[in-house]
Amino acid sequence: MEGKRHGLLLLAAGSSRRFGENKLLLKDETGQYLAIRVAELYAHLEYKWAAITSRQLALIEPLCRLGYQVTVLKDSPSFSYSLKVLVENTKNHASWLVALADMPCIQPTTVEQLMNCLQQGKPLVVPRYRGKRGNPVGFSRAYLSSIMALNLRWRMRELSLILMSQNTGLNTCVKELELFNNLFGGYVS
């Protein structure tokens, strides 16, 4: 059964220096952390993991309540490091959808379409909006060795470029999805 699982990897272990404070611990008007608001978008998925740092311990309880398996990293030097730790912990799975915890405006239909593509056996799924790559990004076991060999300085943008360059006959399955740039530093690359 293990090789048939398709999971979500929520990366919340960044340094978040862009706003002068940890943006994942910013609260919305209801008092909810940004990272938890994002985690809720994926809470319906059966298999999900989150990586946080020791500076974000306030996220453990709400993530666990949402059904996440949480990995606390003493420090995370990069996106790539966090990703590699979670992939290593789940390396027997068939595929992963990699989501960033600072992107609260991803639409539920985007998540569903990407997961459906992964479950259909697509090796790489990348949403697009107006011809530009976006997030989250999904990949299958076919890319396991590439992920584990990632340079520790690479970010999500570099990851998708590297994976796409390794597959010249790429059909991402999802052509155009409605994605929204958000106010918390997310991007459509």
N, C-alpha and C. Protein backbone atom coordinates (compact mmCIF):
# COMPACT_ATOMS: atom_id res chain seq x y z
N MET A 1 0.82 -1.20 0.00
CA MET A 1 0.00 0.00 0.00
C MET A 1 0.86 1.26 0.00
N GLU A 2 2.00 1.22 0.65
CA GLU A 2 2.84 2.40 0.81
C GLU A 2 3.17 3.05 -0.53
N GLY A 3 3.51 2.28 -1.56
CA GLY A 3 3.89 2.84 -2.85
C GLY A 3 2.73 3.47 -3.61
N LYS A 4 1.52 3.35 -3.12
CA LYS A 4 0.35 3.92 -3.78
C LYS A 4 -0.10 5.23 -3.15
N ARG A 5 0.56 5.67 -2.12
CA ARG A 5 0.16 6.89 -1.42
C ARG A 5 0.64 8.14 -2.15
N HIS A 6 -0.22 9.13 -2.12
CA HIS A 6 0.08 10.43 -2.71
C HIS A 6 -0.09 11.45 -1.60
N GLY A 7 0.98 12.13 -1.24
CA GLY A 7 0.91 12.99 -0.07
C GLY A 7 1.21 14.45 -0.33
N LEU A 8 0.89 15.24 0.67
CA LEU A 8 1.16 16.66 0.65
C LEU A 8 2.33 16.97 1.56
N LEU A 9 3.24 17.79 1.10
CA LEU A 9 4.35 18.28 1.92
C LEU A 9 4.18 19.79 2.05
N LEU A 10 3.84 20.24 3.26
CA LEU A 10 3.66 21.67 3.53
C LEU A 10 4.95 22.21 4.12
N LEU A 11 5.57 23.13 3.41
CA LEU A 11 6.84 23.68 3.85
C LEU A 11 6.61 25.00 4.57
N ALA A 12 6.84 24.96 5.88
CA ALA A 12 6.66 26.14 6.74
C ALA A 12 7.92 26.39 7.55
N ALA A 13 9.06 25.96 7.02
CA ALA A 13 10.29 26.02 7.81
C ALA A 13 11.27 27.07 7.30
N GLY A 14 10.76 28.05 6.58
CA GLY A 14 11.64 29.09 6.07
C GLY A 14 12.02 30.10 7.13
N SER A 15 12.94 30.95 6.79
CA SER A 15 13.39 31.96 7.74
C SER A 15 12.45 33.16 7.79
N SER A 16 11.67 33.36 6.75
CA SER A 16 10.66 34.41 6.72
C SER A 16 11.21 35.78 7.09
N ARG A 17 12.31 36.15 6.55
CA ARG A 17 12.95 37.43 6.88
C ARG A 17 12.40 38.60 6.09
N ARG A 18 11.68 38.33 5.03
CA ARG A 18 11.24 39.38 4.13
C ARG A 18 10.41 40.47 4.82
N PHE A 19 9.63 40.12 5.82
CA PHE A 19 8.77 41.10 6.50
C PHE A 19 9.34 41.56 7.83
N GLY A 20 10.56 41.16 8.15
CA GLY A 20 11.17 41.56 9.41
C GLY A 20 10.70 40.75 10.59
N GLU A 21 9.78 39.85 10.37
CA GLU A 21 9.30 38.94 11.40
C GLU A 21 8.84 37.66 10.70
N ASN A 22 8.51 36.67 11.46
CA ASN A 22 8.10 35.40 10.88
C ASN A 22 6.69 35.52 10.31
N LYS A 23 6.60 35.62 8.99
CA LYS A 23 5.30 35.85 8.35
C LYS A 23 4.33 34.70 8.57
N LEU A 24 4.83 33.49 8.80
CA LEU A 24 3.95 32.35 9.01
C LEU A 24 3.22 32.42 10.34
N LEU A 25 3.75 33.23 11.25
CA LEU A 25 3.10 33.42 12.55
C LEU A 25 2.26 34.70 12.59
N LEU A 26 2.15 35.39 11.46
CA LEU A 26 1.25 36.54 11.39
C LEU A 26 -0.17 36.02 11.52
N LYS A 27 -1.01 36.80 12.18
CA LYS A 27 -2.40 36.38 12.38
C LYS A 27 -3.34 37.22 11.52
N ASP A 28 -4.39 36.57 11.04
CA ASP A 28 -5.40 37.30 10.27
C ASP A 28 -6.40 37.95 11.23
N GLU A 29 -7.46 38.52 10.68
CA GLU A 29 -8.43 39.24 11.50
C GLU A 29 -9.16 38.35 12.50
N THR A 30 -9.13 37.03 12.29
CA THR A 30 -9.78 36.11 13.22
C THR A 30 -8.80 35.57 14.27
N GLY A 31 -7.54 35.97 14.17
CA GLY A 31 -6.53 35.50 15.12
C GLY A 31 -5.84 34.22 14.69
N GLN A 32 -6.07 33.79 13.47
CA GLN A 32 -5.48 32.55 12.98
C GLN A 32 -4.14 32.82 12.29
N TYR A 33 -3.18 31.94 12.54
CA TYR A 33 -1.87 32.05 11.90
C TYR A 33 -1.99 31.85 10.39
N LEU A 34 -1.18 32.59 9.64
CA LEU A 34 -1.14 32.43 8.19
C LEU A 34 -0.87 30.98 7.81
N ALA A 35 0.12 30.35 8.42
CA ALA A 35 0.48 28.97 8.07
C ALA A 35 -0.68 28.00 8.30
N ILE A 36 -1.48 28.25 9.33
CA ILE A 36 -2.63 27.36 9.61
C ILE A 36 -3.74 27.62 8.61
N ARG A 37 -3.93 28.85 8.23
CA ARG A 37 -4.92 29.15 7.19
C ARG A 37 -4.58 28.40 5.91
N VAL A 38 -3.30 28.36 5.56
CA VAL A 38 -2.87 27.61 4.38
C VAL A 38 -3.04 26.11 4.61
N ALA A 39 -2.65 25.62 5.77
CA ALA A 39 -2.76 24.19 6.08
C ALA A 39 -4.20 23.70 5.94
N GLU A 40 -5.16 24.56 6.27
CA GLU A 40 -6.56 24.17 6.14
C GLU A 40 -6.97 23.90 4.69
N LEU A 41 -6.31 24.56 3.75
CA LEU A 41 -6.61 24.34 2.33
C LEU A 41 -6.37 22.90 1.91
N TYR A 42 -5.46 22.23 2.62
CA TYR A 42 -5.05 20.88 2.26
C TYR A 42 -5.49 19.84 3.30
N ALA A 43 -6.22 20.25 4.31
CA ALA A 43 -6.56 19.37 5.43
C ALA A 43 -7.39 18.16 5.00
N HIS A 44 -8.11 18.26 3.91
CA HIS A 44 -8.94 17.14 3.44
C HIS A 44 -8.11 16.00 2.84
N LEU A 45 -6.86 16.25 2.52
CA LEU A 45 -6.02 15.20 1.94
C LEU A 45 -5.65 14.17 2.99
N GLU A 46 -5.57 12.92 2.58
CA GLU A 46 -5.35 11.84 3.54
C GLU A 46 -3.95 11.84 4.14
N TYR A 47 -2.93 12.01 3.33
CA TYR A 47 -1.55 11.94 3.79
C TYR A 47 -0.90 13.31 3.68
N LYS A 48 -0.54 13.89 4.83
CA LYS A 48 0.04 15.24 4.80
C LYS A 48 1.06 15.42 5.92
N TRP A 49 2.13 16.12 5.56
CA TRP A 49 3.23 16.38 6.47
C TRP A 49 3.57 17.86 6.41
N ALA A 50 4.10 18.37 7.50
CA ALA A 50 4.54 19.77 7.53
C ALA A 50 5.92 19.83 8.15
N ALA A 51 6.76 20.71 7.63
CA ALA A 51 8.07 20.99 8.22
C ALA A 51 8.02 22.40 8.77
N ILE A 52 8.39 22.52 10.06
CA ILE A 52 8.49 23.83 10.70
C ILE A 52 9.85 23.88 11.39
N THR A 53 10.20 25.07 11.88
CA THR A 53 11.45 25.18 12.64
C THR A 53 11.12 25.34 14.12
N SER A 54 12.14 25.29 14.92
CA SER A 54 11.97 25.44 16.37
C SER A 54 11.48 26.84 16.73
N ARG A 55 11.55 27.78 15.80
CA ARG A 55 11.02 29.13 16.03
C ARG A 55 9.52 29.20 15.77
N GLN A 56 8.91 28.10 15.34
CA GLN A 56 7.49 28.08 14.97
C GLN A 56 6.71 27.03 15.74
N LEU A 57 7.11 26.76 16.96
CA LEU A 57 6.48 25.70 17.75
C LEU A 57 4.99 25.95 18.00
N ALA A 58 4.56 27.19 17.93
CA ALA A 58 3.13 27.50 18.11
C ALA A 58 2.27 26.84 17.04
N LEU A 59 2.88 26.40 15.95
CA LEU A 59 2.13 25.77 14.85
C LEU A 59 1.87 24.28 15.06
N ILE A 60 2.60 23.65 15.98
CA ILE A 60 2.49 22.19 16.13
C ILE A 60 1.07 21.75 16.45
N GLU A 61 0.49 22.28 17.50
CA GLU A 61 -0.84 21.82 17.92
C GLU A 61 -1.90 22.02 16.85
N PRO A 62 -2.01 23.23 16.24
CA PRO A 62 -3.03 23.37 15.21
C PRO A 62 -2.78 22.49 13.98
N LEU A 63 -1.52 22.28 13.61
CA LEU A 63 -1.23 21.39 12.48
C LEU A 63 -1.64 19.96 12.81
N CYS A 64 -1.34 19.52 14.00
CA CYS A 64 -1.72 18.16 14.41
C CYS A 64 -3.24 17.99 14.44
N ARG A 65 -3.93 19.01 14.90
CA ARG A 65 -5.41 18.95 14.91
C ARG A 65 -5.96 18.80 13.50
N LEU A 66 -5.25 19.33 12.53
CA LEU A 66 -5.67 19.20 11.13
C LEU A 66 -5.22 17.88 10.50
N GLY A 67 -4.53 17.05 11.27
CA GLY A 67 -4.12 15.74 10.77
C GLY A 67 -2.74 15.68 10.15
N TYR A 68 -1.94 16.70 10.32
CA TYR A 68 -0.59 16.72 9.76
C TYR A 68 0.36 15.95 10.66
N GLN A 69 1.32 15.29 10.03
CA GLN A 69 2.49 14.77 10.72
C GLN A 69 3.50 15.91 10.66
N VAL A 70 4.00 16.34 11.81
CA VAL A 70 4.85 17.53 11.85
C VAL A 70 6.29 17.15 12.15
N THR A 71 7.20 17.67 11.35
CA THR A 71 8.63 17.52 11.57
C THR A 71 9.18 18.88 11.98
N VAL A 72 9.83 18.91 13.15
CA VAL A 72 10.42 20.15 13.63
C VAL A 72 11.91 20.10 13.32
N LEU A 73 12.36 21.08 12.57
CA LEU A 73 13.77 21.19 12.22
C LEU A 73 14.40 22.22 13.14
N LYS A 74 15.55 21.88 13.71
CA LYS A 74 16.22 22.85 14.58
C LYS A 74 16.46 24.14 13.82
N ASP A 75 16.92 23.99 12.61
CA ASP A 75 17.12 25.12 11.73
C ASP A 75 16.94 24.61 10.32
N SER A 76 16.47 25.44 9.45
CA SER A 76 16.31 25.04 8.06
C SER A 76 17.04 26.06 7.20
N PRO A 77 18.19 25.69 6.68
CA PRO A 77 18.97 26.63 5.89
C PRO A 77 18.32 27.00 4.56
N SER A 78 17.36 26.20 4.11
CA SER A 78 16.76 26.47 2.80
C SER A 78 15.49 25.68 2.59
N PHE A 79 14.77 26.12 1.58
CA PHE A 79 13.59 25.38 1.10
C PHE A 79 13.99 23.94 0.75
N SER A 80 15.09 23.80 0.02
CA SER A 80 15.53 22.48 -0.44
C SER A 80 15.79 21.54 0.72
N TYR A 81 16.40 22.04 1.78
CA TYR A 81 16.68 21.21 2.95
C TYR A 81 15.39 20.69 3.57
N SER A 82 14.42 21.57 3.77
CA SER A 82 13.13 21.16 4.34
C SER A 82 12.45 20.12 3.46
N LEU A 83 12.47 20.36 2.16
CA LEU A 83 11.86 19.43 1.22
C LEU A 83 12.54 18.06 1.29
N LYS A 84 13.86 18.06 1.29
CA LYS A 84 14.59 16.79 1.33
C LYS A 84 14.30 16.00 2.60
N VAL A 85 14.18 16.69 3.73
CA VAL A 85 13.87 16.01 4.99
C VAL A 85 12.50 15.34 4.90
N LEU A 86 11.49 16.05 4.41
CA LEU A 86 10.16 15.47 4.31
C LEU A 86 10.09 14.34 3.28
N VAL A 87 10.76 14.52 2.16
CA VAL A 87 10.77 13.45 1.14
C VAL A 87 11.47 12.21 1.70
N GLU A 88 12.57 12.40 2.39
CA GLU A 88 13.28 11.27 3.00
C GLU A 88 12.36 10.52 3.97
N ASN A 89 11.57 11.26 4.75
CA ASN A 89 10.66 10.63 5.71
C ASN A 89 9.49 9.92 5.04
N THR A 90 9.23 10.20 3.79
CA THR A 90 8.08 9.63 3.08
C THR A 90 8.48 8.99 1.76
N LYS A 91 9.72 8.57 1.65
CA LYS A 91 10.26 8.16 0.35
C LYS A 91 9.59 6.94 -0.27
N ASN A 92 8.77 6.23 0.47
CA ASN A 92 8.07 5.08 -0.10
C ASN A 92 6.75 5.45 -0.75
N HIS A 93 6.43 6.72 -0.81
CA HIS A 93 5.18 7.15 -1.41
C HIS A 93 5.31 7.27 -2.93
N ALA A 94 4.19 7.28 -3.60
CA ALA A 94 4.18 7.34 -5.06
C ALA A 94 4.42 8.75 -5.58
N SER A 95 3.90 9.76 -4.86
CA SER A 95 4.06 11.13 -5.32
C SER A 95 3.83 12.10 -4.17
N TRP A 96 4.21 13.36 -4.43
CA TRP A 96 4.09 14.42 -3.43
C TRP A 96 3.60 15.70 -4.10
N LEU A 97 2.76 16.42 -3.40
CA LEU A 97 2.38 17.77 -3.78
C LEU A 97 3.07 18.68 -2.78
N VAL A 98 3.90 19.60 -3.27
CA VAL A 98 4.69 20.47 -2.41
C VAL A 98 4.02 21.84 -2.36
N ALA A 99 3.60 22.21 -1.15
CA ALA A 99 2.91 23.49 -0.96
C ALA A 99 3.72 24.37 -0.01
N LEU A 100 3.66 25.65 -0.25
CA LEU A 100 4.35 26.62 0.60
C LEU A 100 3.34 27.22 1.57
N ALA A 101 3.72 27.35 2.82
CA ALA A 101 2.80 27.77 3.87
C ALA A 101 2.52 29.27 3.88
N ASP A 102 3.04 29.99 2.89
CA ASP A 102 2.76 31.42 2.82
C ASP A 102 1.90 31.77 1.61
N MET A 103 1.13 30.79 1.13
CA MET A 103 0.28 31.01 -0.05
C MET A 103 -1.16 30.64 0.26
N PRO A 104 -1.90 31.55 0.91
CA PRO A 104 -3.26 31.23 1.34
C PRO A 104 -4.32 31.34 0.26
N CYS A 105 -3.99 31.78 -0.92
CA CYS A 105 -5.01 32.02 -1.93
C CYS A 105 -5.07 30.96 -3.03
N ILE A 106 -4.45 29.82 -2.79
CA ILE A 106 -4.55 28.71 -3.74
C ILE A 106 -6.00 28.21 -3.69
N GLN A 107 -6.57 28.00 -4.83
CA GLN A 107 -7.97 27.58 -4.91
C GLN A 107 -8.12 26.07 -4.68
N PRO A 108 -9.17 25.64 -3.99
CA PRO A 108 -9.41 24.20 -3.77
C PRO A 108 -9.45 23.40 -5.07
N THR A 109 -9.98 23.98 -6.13
CA THR A 109 -10.03 23.26 -7.41
C THR A 109 -8.63 23.01 -7.96
N THR A 110 -7.70 23.92 -7.68
CA THR A 110 -6.31 23.73 -8.11
C THR A 110 -5.72 22.53 -7.40
N VAL A 111 -5.93 22.47 -6.10
CA VAL A 111 -5.41 21.34 -5.30
C VAL A 111 -5.99 20.03 -5.82
N GLU A 112 -7.29 19.99 -6.03
CA GLU A 112 -7.94 18.76 -6.50
C GLU A 112 -7.42 18.33 -7.87
N GLN A 113 -7.29 19.27 -8.79
CA GLN A 113 -6.80 18.92 -10.12
C GLN A 113 -5.37 18.41 -10.08
N LEU A 114 -4.52 19.05 -9.29
CA LEU A 114 -3.14 18.59 -9.18
C LEU A 114 -3.06 17.20 -8.56
N MET A 115 -3.80 16.97 -7.48
CA MET A 115 -3.79 15.64 -6.84
C MET A 115 -4.35 14.58 -7.78
N ASN A 116 -5.39 14.90 -8.52
CA ASN A 116 -5.94 13.94 -9.49
C ASN A 116 -4.90 13.58 -10.53
N CYS A 117 -4.16 14.55 -11.01
CA CYS A 117 -3.11 14.27 -12.00
C CYS A 117 -2.04 13.35 -11.43
N LEU A 118 -1.62 13.62 -10.19
CA LEU A 118 -0.62 12.76 -9.55
C LEU A 118 -1.16 11.35 -9.39
N GLN A 119 -2.41 11.22 -8.98
CA GLN A 119 -3.02 9.90 -8.79
C GLN A 119 -3.18 9.16 -10.11
N GLN A 120 -3.28 9.89 -11.21
CA GLN A 120 -3.34 9.28 -12.54
C GLN A 120 -1.97 8.85 -13.04
N GLY A 121 -0.92 9.15 -12.26
CA GLY A 121 0.42 8.72 -12.64
C GLY A 121 1.24 9.75 -13.39
N LYS A 122 0.78 10.99 -13.46
CA LYS A 122 1.57 12.03 -14.11
C LYS A 122 2.84 12.24 -13.30
N PRO A 123 4.00 12.33 -13.95
CA PRO A 123 5.26 12.44 -13.20
C PRO A 123 5.52 13.82 -12.61
N LEU A 124 4.95 14.86 -13.23
CA LEU A 124 5.18 16.22 -12.76
C LEU A 124 3.95 17.05 -13.07
N VAL A 125 3.45 17.76 -12.07
CA VAL A 125 2.29 18.62 -12.28
C VAL A 125 2.62 20.01 -11.77
N VAL A 126 2.39 20.98 -12.63
CA VAL A 126 2.68 22.37 -12.33
C VAL A 126 1.50 23.20 -12.82
N PRO A 127 0.82 23.91 -11.93
CA PRO A 127 -0.28 24.75 -12.42
C PRO A 127 0.27 25.94 -13.19
N ARG A 128 -0.56 26.43 -14.10
CA ARG A 128 -0.17 27.59 -14.90
C ARG A 128 -1.31 28.59 -14.87
N TYR A 129 -0.92 29.84 -14.91
CA TYR A 129 -1.89 30.92 -15.03
C TYR A 129 -1.33 31.92 -16.02
N ARG A 130 -2.07 32.14 -17.10
CA ARG A 130 -1.61 33.03 -18.17
C ARG A 130 -0.22 32.67 -18.65
N GLY A 131 0.03 31.37 -18.77
CA GLY A 131 1.30 30.88 -19.30
C GLY A 131 2.46 30.83 -18.32
N LYS A 132 2.23 31.22 -17.07
CA LYS A 132 3.31 31.22 -16.08
C LYS A 132 3.12 30.07 -15.10
N ARG A 133 4.25 29.46 -14.72
CA ARG A 133 4.22 28.38 -13.73
C ARG A 133 3.82 28.94 -12.38
N GLY A 134 3.12 28.12 -11.60
CA GLY A 134 2.71 28.54 -10.27
C GLY A 134 2.96 27.47 -9.23
N ASN A 135 2.26 27.54 -8.16
CA ASN A 135 2.37 26.61 -7.04
C ASN A 135 0.98 26.16 -6.62
N PRO A 136 0.88 25.01 -5.98
CA PRO A 136 1.93 24.08 -5.60
C PRO A 136 2.42 23.23 -6.78
N VAL A 137 3.55 22.56 -6.57
CA VAL A 137 4.16 21.71 -7.59
C VAL A 137 4.09 20.27 -7.11
N GLY A 138 3.74 19.36 -8.00
CA GLY A 138 3.69 17.94 -7.64
C GLY A 138 4.67 17.14 -8.47
N PHE A 139 5.23 16.10 -7.85
CA PHE A 139 6.15 15.23 -8.58
C PHE A 139 6.02 13.80 -8.08
N SER A 140 6.39 12.86 -8.96
CA SER A 140 6.29 11.44 -8.63
C SER A 140 7.65 10.88 -8.22
N ARG A 141 7.64 9.60 -7.88
CA ARG A 141 8.87 8.90 -7.50
C ARG A 141 9.93 8.96 -8.60
N ALA A 142 9.50 9.18 -9.82
CA ALA A 142 10.46 9.27 -10.93
C ALA A 142 11.50 10.36 -10.67
N TYR A 143 11.16 11.33 -9.83
CA TYR A 143 12.05 12.44 -9.53
C TYR A 143 12.70 12.32 -8.16
N LEU A 144 12.55 11.20 -7.49
CA LEU A 144 13.08 11.04 -6.14
C LEU A 144 14.58 11.30 -6.07
N SER A 145 15.35 10.70 -6.96
CA SER A 145 16.81 10.90 -6.90
C SER A 145 17.18 12.36 -7.20
N SER A 146 16.44 13.01 -8.08
CA SER A 146 16.71 14.42 -8.38
C SER A 146 16.43 15.29 -7.16
N ILE A 147 15.36 15.01 -6.46
CA ILE A 147 15.01 15.79 -5.26
C ILE A 147 16.10 15.60 -4.20
N MET A 148 16.51 14.37 -4.00
CA MET A 148 17.50 14.10 -2.95
C MET A 148 18.88 14.69 -3.30
N ALA A 149 19.11 14.99 -4.57
CA ALA A 149 20.39 15.58 -4.99
C ALA A 149 20.33 17.10 -5.10
N LEU A 150 19.22 17.71 -4.69
CA LEU A 150 19.07 19.16 -4.81
C LEU A 150 20.16 19.92 -4.06
N ASN A 151 20.57 21.02 -4.65
CA ASN A 151 21.46 21.97 -4.01
C ASN A 151 20.68 22.61 -2.86
N LEU A 152 21.27 22.76 -1.72
CA LEU A 152 20.56 23.27 -0.55
C LEU A 152 20.11 24.72 -0.69
N ARG A 153 20.60 25.44 -1.65
CA ARG A 153 20.21 26.85 -1.81
C ARG A 153 18.99 27.03 -2.70
N TRP A 154 18.54 26.00 -3.37
CA TRP A 154 17.46 26.17 -4.34
C TRP A 154 16.12 26.39 -3.66
N ARG A 155 15.27 27.17 -4.35
CA ARG A 155 13.92 27.48 -3.88
C ARG A 155 12.92 26.76 -4.77
N MET A 156 11.64 27.00 -4.53
CA MET A 156 10.57 26.34 -5.30
C MET A 156 10.70 26.63 -6.79
N ARG A 157 11.02 27.85 -7.15
CA ARG A 157 11.14 28.20 -8.57
C ARG A 157 12.22 27.35 -9.23
N GLU A 158 13.39 27.24 -8.60
CA GLU A 158 14.47 26.43 -9.16
C GLU A 158 14.08 24.95 -9.23
N LEU A 159 13.37 24.48 -8.21
CA LEU A 159 12.92 23.08 -8.21
C LEU A 159 12.08 22.79 -9.44
N SER A 160 11.08 23.62 -9.70
CA SER A 160 10.21 23.33 -10.84
C SER A 160 10.98 23.43 -12.16
N LEU A 161 11.91 24.37 -12.26
CA LEU A 161 12.70 24.48 -13.49
C LEU A 161 13.58 23.25 -13.70
N ILE A 162 14.19 22.77 -12.63
CA ILE A 162 15.06 21.60 -12.73
C ILE A 162 14.26 20.37 -13.12
N LEU A 163 13.15 20.15 -12.45
CA LEU A 163 12.35 18.97 -12.74
C LEU A 163 11.80 19.03 -14.16
N MET A 164 11.37 20.21 -14.59
CA MET A 164 10.84 20.34 -15.94
C MET A 164 11.92 20.13 -16.99
N SER A 165 13.15 20.55 -16.72
CA SER A 165 14.22 20.40 -17.69
C SER A 165 14.62 18.94 -17.87
N GLN A 166 14.30 18.11 -16.88
CA GLN A 166 14.65 16.70 -16.97
C GLN A 166 13.61 15.89 -17.75
N ASN A 167 12.52 16.52 -18.12
CA ASN A 167 11.46 15.82 -18.82
C ASN A 167 11.10 16.60 -20.07
N THR A 168 11.75 16.28 -21.17
CA THR A 168 11.55 17.04 -22.40
C THR A 168 10.17 16.81 -23.00
N GLY A 169 9.54 15.69 -22.71
CA GLY A 169 8.20 15.43 -23.23
C GLY A 169 7.13 15.74 -22.20
N LEU A 170 7.34 16.76 -21.40
CA LEU A 170 6.48 17.06 -20.28
C LEU A 170 5.07 17.44 -20.70
N ASN A 171 4.12 16.76 -20.09
CA ASN A 171 2.72 17.15 -20.19
C ASN A 171 2.27 17.33 -18.75
N THR A 172 2.08 18.54 -18.34
CA THR A 172 1.82 18.81 -16.92
C THR A 172 0.42 18.44 -16.48
N CYS A 173 -0.46 18.05 -17.39
CA CYS A 173 -1.81 17.63 -17.07
C CYS A 173 -2.71 18.82 -16.79
N VAL A 174 -2.24 19.79 -16.08
CA VAL A 174 -3.06 20.96 -15.75
C VAL A 174 -2.57 22.11 -16.60
N LYS A 175 -3.38 22.55 -17.53
CA LYS A 175 -2.95 23.60 -18.46
C LYS A 175 -3.11 24.99 -17.86
N GLU A 176 -4.31 25.38 -17.56
CA GLU A 176 -4.57 26.72 -17.03
C GLU A 176 -5.45 26.59 -15.80
N LEU A 177 -4.98 27.03 -14.70
CA LEU A 177 -5.77 27.04 -13.48
C LEU A 177 -5.85 28.46 -12.96
N GLU A 178 -6.89 28.76 -12.26
CA GLU A 178 -7.02 30.09 -11.68
C GLU A 178 -6.18 30.13 -10.41
N LEU A 179 -5.10 30.87 -10.45
CA LEU A 179 -4.23 31.06 -9.29
C LEU A 179 -4.24 32.54 -8.94
N PHE A 180 -4.05 32.82 -7.69
CA PHE A 180 -4.03 34.21 -7.27
C PHE A 180 -2.72 34.51 -6.56
N ASN A 181 -2.08 35.59 -6.96
CA ASN A 181 -0.95 36.11 -6.21
C ASN A 181 -1.53 36.58 -4.89
N ASN A 182 -0.80 36.39 -3.80
CA ASN A 182 -1.38 36.79 -2.52
C ASN A 182 -0.55 37.87 -1.85
N LEU A 183 -1.12 38.44 -0.82
CA LEU A 183 -0.49 39.57 -0.15
C LEU A 183 0.64 39.17 0.78
N PHE A 184 0.85 37.89 0.99
CA PHE A 184 1.82 37.43 1.97
C PHE A 184 3.12 36.97 1.33
N GLY A 185 3.42 37.37 0.12
CA GLY A 185 4.70 37.07 -0.49
C GLY A 185 4.69 35.88 -1.42
N GLY A 186 3.52 35.31 -1.72
CA GLY A 186 3.46 34.22 -2.67
C GLY A 186 3.71 34.73 -4.07
N TYR A 187 3.93 33.85 -5.00
CA TYR A 187 4.22 34.28 -6.35
C TYR A 187 3.72 33.27 -7.35
N VAL A 188 3.51 33.71 -8.53
CA VAL A 188 3.33 32.83 -9.68
C VAL A 188 4.56 33.09 -10.52
N SER A 189 5.43 32.09 -10.61
CA SER A 189 6.71 32.30 -11.29
C SER A 189 6.64 31.99 -12.76
